[in-house]
Amino acid sequence: MKKDHSRSQRLKRGELALKGGARVISYEYWMLKEALRYWQKDCAGQPTRSASRCNMAIEAALIHARNLLAFFSAGGHKDDVKATDFITPVPRIALPYLRRNKKRMNKKLAHPSYAGKRMGASWNGKLIEEELDSAFRVFLARLEAMAPKRRRYFPIH
């Protein structure tokens, strides 16, 4: 029997839970930014000896990007932290590059698969950063307007 991950199953969270959820999402965002900073600054054109560190930075950035995409997306599990936990309706957040590459991220990162090897290895870190920065600007501006107290839960500027 397939699980139903519909919006109707979302639990209404108390403020303490939302504060904790905001910390989780803020951590994901900070770690994305750190991994991207390392990837973009130190990995471009690096010799092979630093390839493993660069792969770690790229994979870390992708994992956090994938988690943030899930935050802004519908569906998921009942205990996932979602943007809809903080405000409804959530403004439309366009993440075209991430949404288009979701399957590839899943195949490359979530579990070893034969398909992952066939998928492209290049990623556009700058575009990932731009999309998620924009998504957070939109989300946090709406949160400030609708629930200013909850906006303070996110120490993201």
N, C-alpha and C. Protein backbone atom coordinates (compact mmCIF):
# COMPACT_ATOMS: atom_id res chain seq x y z
N MET A 1 0.84 -1.17 0.00
CA MET A 1 0.00 0.00 0.00
C MET A 1 0.89 1.25 0.00
N LYS A 2 0.67 2.12 -0.94
CA LYS A 2 1.47 3.35 -1.07
C LYS A 2 1.01 4.36 -0.01
N LYS A 3 2.02 4.99 0.62
CA LYS A 3 1.70 6.00 1.62
C LYS A 3 1.16 7.25 0.95
N ASP A 4 0.19 7.87 1.59
CA ASP A 4 -0.35 9.13 1.12
C ASP A 4 0.37 10.25 1.84
N HIS A 5 1.11 11.05 1.08
CA HIS A 5 1.86 12.16 1.67
C HIS A 5 1.16 13.48 1.39
N SER A 6 -0.15 13.48 1.39
CA SER A 6 -0.88 14.69 1.02
C SER A 6 -0.78 15.76 2.10
N ARG A 7 -1.08 16.97 1.71
CA ARG A 7 -1.02 18.11 2.60
C ARG A 7 -1.97 17.95 3.78
N SER A 8 -3.08 17.23 3.61
CA SER A 8 -4.07 17.09 4.67
C SER A 8 -3.50 16.37 5.89
N GLN A 9 -2.41 15.66 5.74
CA GLN A 9 -1.82 14.94 6.87
C GLN A 9 -0.87 15.79 7.68
N ARG A 10 -0.61 17.03 7.27
CA ARG A 10 0.32 17.88 8.00
C ARG A 10 -0.24 18.18 9.37
N LEU A 11 0.61 18.05 10.36
CA LEU A 11 0.24 18.40 11.72
C LEU A 11 0.43 19.90 11.92
N LYS A 12 -0.44 20.49 12.70
CA LYS A 12 -0.24 21.90 13.06
C LYS A 12 0.80 21.91 14.17
N ARG A 13 1.88 22.64 13.95
CA ARG A 13 3.00 22.68 14.88
C ARG A 13 2.87 23.84 15.84
N GLY A 14 3.28 23.61 17.07
CA GLY A 14 3.33 24.68 18.06
C GLY A 14 4.55 25.56 17.81
N GLU A 15 4.59 26.68 18.48
CA GLU A 15 5.68 27.64 18.27
C GLU A 15 7.04 27.06 18.65
N LEU A 16 7.11 26.26 19.68
CA LEU A 16 8.39 25.66 20.07
C LEU A 16 8.90 24.73 18.97
N ALA A 17 8.02 23.94 18.40
CA ALA A 17 8.41 23.05 17.29
C ALA A 17 8.84 23.88 16.08
N LEU A 18 8.12 24.96 15.80
CA LEU A 18 8.48 25.80 14.66
C LEU A 18 9.84 26.46 14.86
N LYS A 19 10.14 26.89 16.07
CA LYS A 19 11.48 27.44 16.35
C LYS A 19 12.55 26.41 16.04
N GLY A 20 12.33 25.18 16.47
CA GLY A 20 13.28 24.10 16.19
C GLY A 20 13.38 23.82 14.70
N GLY A 21 12.25 23.80 14.02
CA GLY A 21 12.26 23.59 12.57
C GLY A 21 13.00 24.70 11.84
N ALA A 22 12.82 25.92 12.29
CA ALA A 22 13.53 27.05 11.68
C ALA A 22 15.04 26.92 11.87
N ARG A 23 15.45 26.42 13.04
CA ARG A 23 16.88 26.20 13.27
C ARG A 23 17.42 25.14 12.31
N VAL A 24 16.65 24.09 12.07
CA VAL A 24 17.06 23.04 11.14
C VAL A 24 17.24 23.62 9.74
N ILE A 25 16.27 24.40 9.29
CA ILE A 25 16.34 24.97 7.94
C ILE A 25 17.45 26.01 7.85
N SER A 26 17.63 26.80 8.89
CA SER A 26 18.73 27.78 8.90
C SER A 26 20.07 27.08 8.81
N TYR A 27 20.21 25.98 9.53
CA TYR A 27 21.45 25.18 9.45
C TYR A 27 21.68 24.70 8.02
N GLU A 28 20.64 24.17 7.39
CA GLU A 28 20.75 23.69 6.01
C GLU A 28 21.23 24.82 5.10
N TYR A 29 20.67 26.01 5.29
CA TYR A 29 21.04 27.15 4.46
C TYR A 29 22.49 27.57 4.71
N TRP A 30 22.89 27.66 5.97
CA TRP A 30 24.27 28.04 6.30
C TRP A 30 25.27 27.04 5.74
N MET A 31 24.97 25.76 5.89
CA MET A 31 25.88 24.73 5.39
C MET A 31 25.95 24.73 3.86
N LEU A 32 24.82 24.98 3.21
CA LEU A 32 24.83 25.15 1.76
C LEU A 32 25.78 26.27 1.38
N LYS A 33 25.65 27.41 2.04
CA LYS A 33 26.48 28.57 1.72
C LYS A 33 27.96 28.27 1.95
N GLU A 34 28.30 27.58 3.04
CA GLU A 34 29.69 27.23 3.32
C GLU A 34 30.25 26.28 2.27
N ALA A 35 29.48 25.26 1.93
CA ALA A 35 29.93 24.29 0.92
C ALA A 35 30.09 24.97 -0.43
N LEU A 36 29.15 25.84 -0.79
CA LEU A 36 29.26 26.56 -2.07
C LEU A 36 30.46 27.49 -2.07
N ARG A 37 30.71 28.13 -0.96
CA ARG A 37 31.86 29.04 -0.87
C ARG A 37 33.15 28.27 -1.13
N TYR A 38 33.30 27.13 -0.50
CA TYR A 38 34.50 26.31 -0.70
C TYR A 38 34.57 25.84 -2.15
N TRP A 39 33.47 25.32 -2.65
CA TRP A 39 33.40 24.79 -4.01
C TRP A 39 33.77 25.86 -5.03
N GLN A 40 33.16 27.03 -4.92
CA GLN A 40 33.37 28.07 -5.92
C GLN A 40 34.73 28.75 -5.79
N LYS A 41 35.21 28.90 -4.57
CA LYS A 41 36.47 29.60 -4.37
C LYS A 41 37.68 28.70 -4.57
N ASP A 42 37.65 27.52 -4.02
CA ASP A 42 38.83 26.67 -3.95
C ASP A 42 38.87 25.51 -4.94
N CYS A 43 37.77 25.24 -5.62
CA CYS A 43 37.75 24.05 -6.47
C CYS A 43 37.87 24.33 -7.96
N ALA A 44 37.60 25.53 -8.38
CA ALA A 44 37.65 25.83 -9.81
C ALA A 44 39.09 25.68 -10.32
N GLY A 45 39.29 24.79 -11.25
CA GLY A 45 40.58 24.60 -11.88
C GLY A 45 41.65 23.99 -10.99
N GLN A 46 41.24 23.31 -9.92
CA GLN A 46 42.21 22.72 -9.00
C GLN A 46 42.79 21.43 -9.58
N PRO A 47 44.02 21.14 -9.22
CA PRO A 47 44.64 19.88 -9.67
C PRO A 47 43.95 18.67 -9.04
N THR A 48 44.22 17.52 -9.58
CA THR A 48 43.59 16.28 -9.16
C THR A 48 43.79 15.99 -7.67
N ARG A 49 44.89 16.40 -7.09
CA ARG A 49 45.14 16.06 -5.68
C ARG A 49 44.08 16.62 -4.74
N SER A 50 43.39 17.68 -5.14
CA SER A 50 42.35 18.23 -4.28
C SER A 50 40.95 17.78 -4.71
N ALA A 51 40.88 16.86 -5.66
CA ALA A 51 39.58 16.43 -6.18
C ALA A 51 38.68 15.86 -5.10
N SER A 52 39.22 15.10 -4.16
CA SER A 52 38.36 14.49 -3.15
C SER A 52 37.73 15.57 -2.26
N ARG A 53 38.49 16.60 -1.90
CA ARG A 53 37.92 17.70 -1.09
C ARG A 53 36.86 18.45 -1.88
N CYS A 54 37.12 18.66 -3.14
CA CYS A 54 36.15 19.35 -3.98
C CYS A 54 34.89 18.51 -4.15
N ASN A 55 35.04 17.21 -4.33
CA ASN A 55 33.87 16.33 -4.42
C ASN A 55 33.06 16.40 -3.13
N MET A 56 33.74 16.44 -1.99
CA MET A 56 33.02 16.58 -0.72
C MET A 56 32.24 17.89 -0.67
N ALA A 57 32.85 18.98 -1.11
CA ALA A 57 32.17 20.27 -1.11
C ALA A 57 30.96 20.26 -2.03
N ILE A 58 31.14 19.71 -3.22
CA ILE A 58 30.04 19.64 -4.19
C ILE A 58 28.90 18.78 -3.63
N GLU A 59 29.24 17.60 -3.10
CA GLU A 59 28.21 16.72 -2.56
C GLU A 59 27.52 17.34 -1.35
N ALA A 60 28.27 18.01 -0.50
CA ALA A 60 27.66 18.68 0.66
C ALA A 60 26.70 19.77 0.19
N ALA A 61 27.12 20.56 -0.78
CA ALA A 61 26.24 21.62 -1.30
C ALA A 61 24.97 21.01 -1.90
N LEU A 62 25.12 19.92 -2.63
CA LEU A 62 23.95 19.29 -3.25
C LEU A 62 23.00 18.69 -2.23
N ILE A 63 23.55 18.08 -1.19
CA ILE A 63 22.69 17.51 -0.14
C ILE A 63 21.86 18.61 0.52
N HIS A 64 22.52 19.72 0.86
CA HIS A 64 21.79 20.81 1.51
C HIS A 64 20.82 21.48 0.55
N ALA A 65 21.19 21.61 -0.72
CA ALA A 65 20.28 22.16 -1.73
C ALA A 65 19.05 21.25 -1.88
N ARG A 66 19.29 19.97 -1.90
CA ARG A 66 18.20 18.99 -2.01
C ARG A 66 17.25 19.11 -0.81
N ASN A 67 17.80 19.26 0.39
CA ASN A 67 16.98 19.40 1.60
C ASN A 67 16.18 20.70 1.56
N LEU A 68 16.77 21.76 1.07
CA LEU A 68 16.06 23.04 0.99
C LEU A 68 15.00 23.01 -0.10
N LEU A 69 15.26 22.32 -1.19
CA LEU A 69 14.24 22.13 -2.21
C LEU A 69 13.03 21.41 -1.60
N ALA A 70 13.28 20.40 -0.78
CA ALA A 70 12.19 19.68 -0.12
C ALA A 70 11.41 20.60 0.82
N PHE A 71 12.09 21.51 1.50
CA PHE A 71 11.43 22.47 2.39
C PHE A 71 10.42 23.31 1.62
N PHE A 72 10.77 23.72 0.41
CA PHE A 72 9.90 24.58 -0.39
C PHE A 72 8.90 23.80 -1.24
N SER A 73 8.99 22.48 -1.26
CA SER A 73 8.13 21.65 -2.11
C SER A 73 6.98 21.05 -1.33
N ALA A 74 5.92 20.72 -2.05
CA ALA A 74 4.78 20.02 -1.45
C ALA A 74 5.17 18.56 -1.23
N GLY A 75 4.34 17.86 -0.50
CA GLY A 75 4.57 16.44 -0.28
C GLY A 75 5.58 16.20 0.82
N GLY A 76 6.09 14.99 0.85
CA GLY A 76 7.05 14.62 1.88
C GLY A 76 6.39 13.83 3.00
N HIS A 77 7.11 13.72 4.08
CA HIS A 77 6.63 12.97 5.25
C HIS A 77 6.02 13.92 6.26
N LYS A 78 5.17 13.38 7.13
CA LYS A 78 4.48 14.21 8.12
C LYS A 78 5.43 14.96 9.04
N ASP A 79 6.61 14.41 9.29
CA ASP A 79 7.52 15.07 10.22
C ASP A 79 8.57 15.94 9.53
N ASP A 80 8.48 16.11 8.21
CA ASP A 80 9.40 16.99 7.49
C ASP A 80 9.11 18.44 7.84
N VAL A 81 10.14 19.25 7.93
CA VAL A 81 9.97 20.69 8.12
C VAL A 81 9.65 21.28 6.75
N LYS A 82 8.53 21.97 6.65
CA LYS A 82 8.07 22.51 5.37
C LYS A 82 7.75 24.00 5.52
N ALA A 83 7.90 24.72 4.43
CA ALA A 83 7.57 26.15 4.43
C ALA A 83 6.12 26.37 4.85
N THR A 84 5.24 25.45 4.47
CA THR A 84 3.82 25.59 4.82
C THR A 84 3.55 25.46 6.31
N ASP A 85 4.52 25.00 7.07
CA ASP A 85 4.35 24.95 8.53
C ASP A 85 4.38 26.36 9.11
N PHE A 86 5.03 27.29 8.43
CA PHE A 86 5.24 28.64 8.95
C PHE A 86 4.22 29.64 8.43
N ILE A 87 3.84 29.52 7.16
CA ILE A 87 2.83 30.39 6.56
C ILE A 87 2.09 29.62 5.48
N THR A 88 0.82 29.97 5.35
CA THR A 88 0.04 29.44 4.23
C THR A 88 -0.83 30.57 3.70
N PRO A 89 -0.94 30.72 2.44
CA PRO A 89 -0.20 29.95 1.46
C PRO A 89 1.24 30.47 1.35
N VAL A 90 2.11 29.57 1.00
CA VAL A 90 3.50 29.94 0.74
C VAL A 90 3.52 30.58 -0.64
N PRO A 91 4.25 31.68 -0.80
CA PRO A 91 4.31 32.28 -2.14
C PRO A 91 4.92 31.29 -3.13
N ARG A 92 4.54 31.44 -4.38
CA ARG A 92 5.11 30.57 -5.41
C ARG A 92 6.60 30.81 -5.47
N ILE A 93 7.35 29.75 -5.32
CA ILE A 93 8.81 29.83 -5.32
C ILE A 93 9.32 29.00 -6.48
N ALA A 94 9.87 29.68 -7.46
CA ALA A 94 10.38 29.01 -8.65
C ALA A 94 11.82 28.57 -8.40
N LEU A 95 12.07 27.31 -8.52
CA LEU A 95 13.41 26.74 -8.41
C LEU A 95 13.64 25.84 -9.62
N PRO A 96 13.65 26.42 -10.82
CA PRO A 96 13.65 25.59 -12.03
C PRO A 96 14.86 24.69 -12.17
N TYR A 97 16.05 25.18 -11.89
CA TYR A 97 17.24 24.35 -12.04
C TYR A 97 17.21 23.19 -11.04
N LEU A 98 16.88 23.48 -9.80
CA LEU A 98 16.84 22.42 -8.78
C LEU A 98 15.72 21.42 -9.06
N ARG A 99 14.56 21.91 -9.44
CA ARG A 99 13.44 20.99 -9.73
C ARG A 99 13.77 20.11 -10.94
N ARG A 100 14.38 20.73 -11.95
CA ARG A 100 14.75 19.98 -13.16
C ARG A 100 15.81 18.92 -12.84
N ASN A 101 16.64 19.16 -11.87
CA ASN A 101 17.74 18.24 -11.53
C ASN A 101 17.48 17.41 -10.28
N LYS A 102 16.26 17.43 -9.78
CA LYS A 102 15.93 16.69 -8.54
C LYS A 102 16.22 15.19 -8.68
N LYS A 103 15.78 14.60 -9.76
CA LYS A 103 16.00 13.16 -9.95
C LYS A 103 17.49 12.86 -10.01
N ARG A 104 18.24 13.70 -10.70
CA ARG A 104 19.69 13.50 -10.81
C ARG A 104 20.34 13.63 -9.43
N MET A 105 19.92 14.62 -8.63
CA MET A 105 20.46 14.75 -7.27
C MET A 105 20.15 13.50 -6.46
N ASN A 106 18.92 13.04 -6.55
CA ASN A 106 18.54 11.85 -5.79
C ASN A 106 19.38 10.64 -6.19
N LYS A 107 19.56 10.45 -7.49
CA LYS A 107 20.34 9.30 -7.96
C LYS A 107 21.81 9.42 -7.59
N LYS A 108 22.33 10.62 -7.60
CA LYS A 108 23.75 10.82 -7.27
C LYS A 108 24.02 10.76 -5.77
N LEU A 109 23.04 11.15 -4.96
CA LEU A 109 23.31 11.37 -3.54
C LEU A 109 22.59 10.42 -2.59
N ALA A 110 21.38 10.03 -2.92
CA ALA A 110 20.56 9.33 -1.95
C ALA A 110 20.96 7.87 -1.74
N HIS A 111 21.40 7.24 -2.78
CA HIS A 111 21.78 5.83 -2.67
C HIS A 111 22.62 5.45 -3.90
N PRO A 112 23.48 4.45 -3.75
CA PRO A 112 24.26 4.02 -4.91
C PRO A 112 23.31 3.46 -5.98
N SER A 113 23.49 3.92 -7.20
CA SER A 113 22.65 3.40 -8.28
C SER A 113 23.47 3.33 -9.57
N TYR A 114 23.06 2.46 -10.46
CA TYR A 114 23.70 2.36 -11.76
C TYR A 114 23.37 3.57 -12.62
N ALA A 115 22.18 4.12 -12.44
CA ALA A 115 21.75 5.27 -13.24
C ALA A 115 22.57 6.51 -12.91
N GLY A 116 22.98 6.67 -11.66
CA GLY A 116 23.75 7.85 -11.26
C GLY A 116 25.03 8.02 -12.03
N LYS A 117 25.66 6.92 -12.38
CA LYS A 117 26.92 6.97 -13.13
C LYS A 117 26.71 7.53 -14.53
N ARG A 118 25.54 7.26 -15.12
CA ARG A 118 25.25 7.73 -16.47
C ARG A 118 24.84 9.20 -16.52
N MET A 119 24.46 9.74 -15.39
CA MET A 119 23.99 11.13 -15.35
C MET A 119 25.18 12.07 -15.28
N GLY A 120 25.01 13.24 -15.81
CA GLY A 120 26.08 14.22 -15.86
C GLY A 120 26.66 14.55 -14.50
N ALA A 121 27.94 14.86 -14.48
CA ALA A 121 28.62 15.15 -13.23
C ALA A 121 28.76 16.65 -12.98
N SER A 122 28.48 17.47 -13.97
CA SER A 122 28.67 18.91 -13.77
C SER A 122 27.41 19.53 -13.18
N TRP A 123 27.64 20.49 -12.29
CA TRP A 123 26.56 21.18 -11.60
C TRP A 123 26.83 22.67 -11.67
N ASN A 124 25.79 23.45 -11.65
CA ASN A 124 25.92 24.90 -11.69
C ASN A 124 25.72 25.45 -10.27
N GLY A 125 26.81 25.52 -9.52
CA GLY A 125 26.74 25.99 -8.14
C GLY A 125 26.22 27.41 -8.03
N LYS A 126 26.60 28.26 -8.95
CA LYS A 126 26.15 29.66 -8.93
C LYS A 126 24.63 29.74 -9.09
N LEU A 127 24.09 28.94 -10.00
CA LEU A 127 22.64 28.93 -10.22
C LEU A 127 21.91 28.35 -9.01
N ILE A 128 22.46 27.30 -8.41
CA ILE A 128 21.86 26.74 -7.20
C ILE A 128 21.79 27.81 -6.12
N GLU A 129 22.89 28.53 -5.93
CA GLU A 129 22.93 29.59 -4.91
C GLU A 129 21.93 30.70 -5.23
N GLU A 130 21.90 31.15 -6.46
CA GLU A 130 20.98 32.22 -6.86
C GLU A 130 19.52 31.81 -6.63
N GLU A 131 19.18 30.58 -7.02
CA GLU A 131 17.79 30.13 -6.85
C GLU A 131 17.40 30.06 -5.38
N LEU A 132 18.27 29.50 -4.55
CA LEU A 132 17.92 29.36 -3.14
C LEU A 132 17.97 30.69 -2.39
N ASP A 133 18.91 31.56 -2.75
CA ASP A 133 18.91 32.91 -2.15
C ASP A 133 17.61 33.64 -2.49
N SER A 134 17.19 33.56 -3.73
CA SER A 134 15.95 34.19 -4.15
C SER A 134 14.75 33.58 -3.43
N ALA A 135 14.74 32.26 -3.31
CA ALA A 135 13.64 31.57 -2.63
C ALA A 135 13.53 32.04 -1.18
N PHE A 136 14.66 32.17 -0.52
CA PHE A 136 14.62 32.61 0.87
C PHE A 136 14.21 34.08 0.98
N ARG A 137 14.64 34.92 0.05
CA ARG A 137 14.20 36.32 0.09
C ARG A 137 12.68 36.40 0.01
N VAL A 138 12.09 35.67 -0.93
CA VAL A 138 10.64 35.67 -1.12
C VAL A 138 9.95 35.10 0.12
N PHE A 139 10.40 33.94 0.58
CA PHE A 139 9.77 33.29 1.73
C PHE A 139 9.87 34.16 2.98
N LEU A 140 11.05 34.69 3.26
CA LEU A 140 11.25 35.46 4.49
C LEU A 140 10.52 36.80 4.45
N ALA A 141 10.41 37.41 3.27
CA ALA A 141 9.63 38.65 3.14
C ALA A 141 8.16 38.38 3.42
N ARG A 142 7.64 37.30 2.88
CA ARG A 142 6.23 36.95 3.13
C ARG A 142 6.03 36.59 4.60
N LEU A 143 6.98 35.87 5.17
CA LEU A 143 6.89 35.51 6.59
C LEU A 143 6.89 36.76 7.46
N GLU A 144 7.75 37.72 7.13
CA GLU A 144 7.80 38.99 7.87
C GLU A 144 6.46 39.72 7.82
N ALA A 145 5.83 39.69 6.65
CA ALA A 145 4.55 40.38 6.48
C ALA A 145 3.41 39.65 7.19
N MET A 146 3.43 38.33 7.17
CA MET A 146 2.32 37.54 7.70
C MET A 146 2.50 37.12 9.16
N ALA A 147 3.73 36.86 9.55
CA ALA A 147 4.00 36.35 10.90
C ALA A 147 5.37 36.84 11.36
N PRO A 148 5.48 38.13 11.69
CA PRO A 148 6.78 38.71 12.03
C PRO A 148 7.49 37.99 13.18
N LYS A 149 6.72 37.47 14.12
CA LYS A 149 7.33 36.73 15.23
C LYS A 149 8.06 35.49 14.70
N ARG A 150 7.46 34.81 13.77
CA ARG A 150 8.08 33.61 13.19
C ARG A 150 9.28 33.97 12.31
N ARG A 151 9.27 35.15 11.72
CA ARG A 151 10.41 35.57 10.91
C ARG A 151 11.68 35.59 11.76
N ARG A 152 11.53 35.97 13.02
CA ARG A 152 12.68 36.05 13.92
C ARG A 152 13.25 34.67 14.24
N TYR A 153 12.52 33.60 13.97
CA TYR A 153 13.03 32.25 14.19
C TYR A 153 14.16 31.91 13.21
N PHE A 154 14.19 32.62 12.09
CA PHE A 154 15.18 32.36 11.04
C PHE A 154 16.26 33.44 11.08
N PRO A 155 17.45 33.12 11.61
CA PRO A 155 18.52 34.13 11.64
C PRO A 155 19.25 34.25 10.31
N ILE A 156 18.48 34.27 9.24
CA ILE A 156 19.01 34.39 7.88
C ILE A 156 18.71 35.80 7.40
N HIS A 157 19.70 36.46 6.84
CA HIS A 157 19.48 37.83 6.35
C HIS A 157 19.57 37.88 4.85
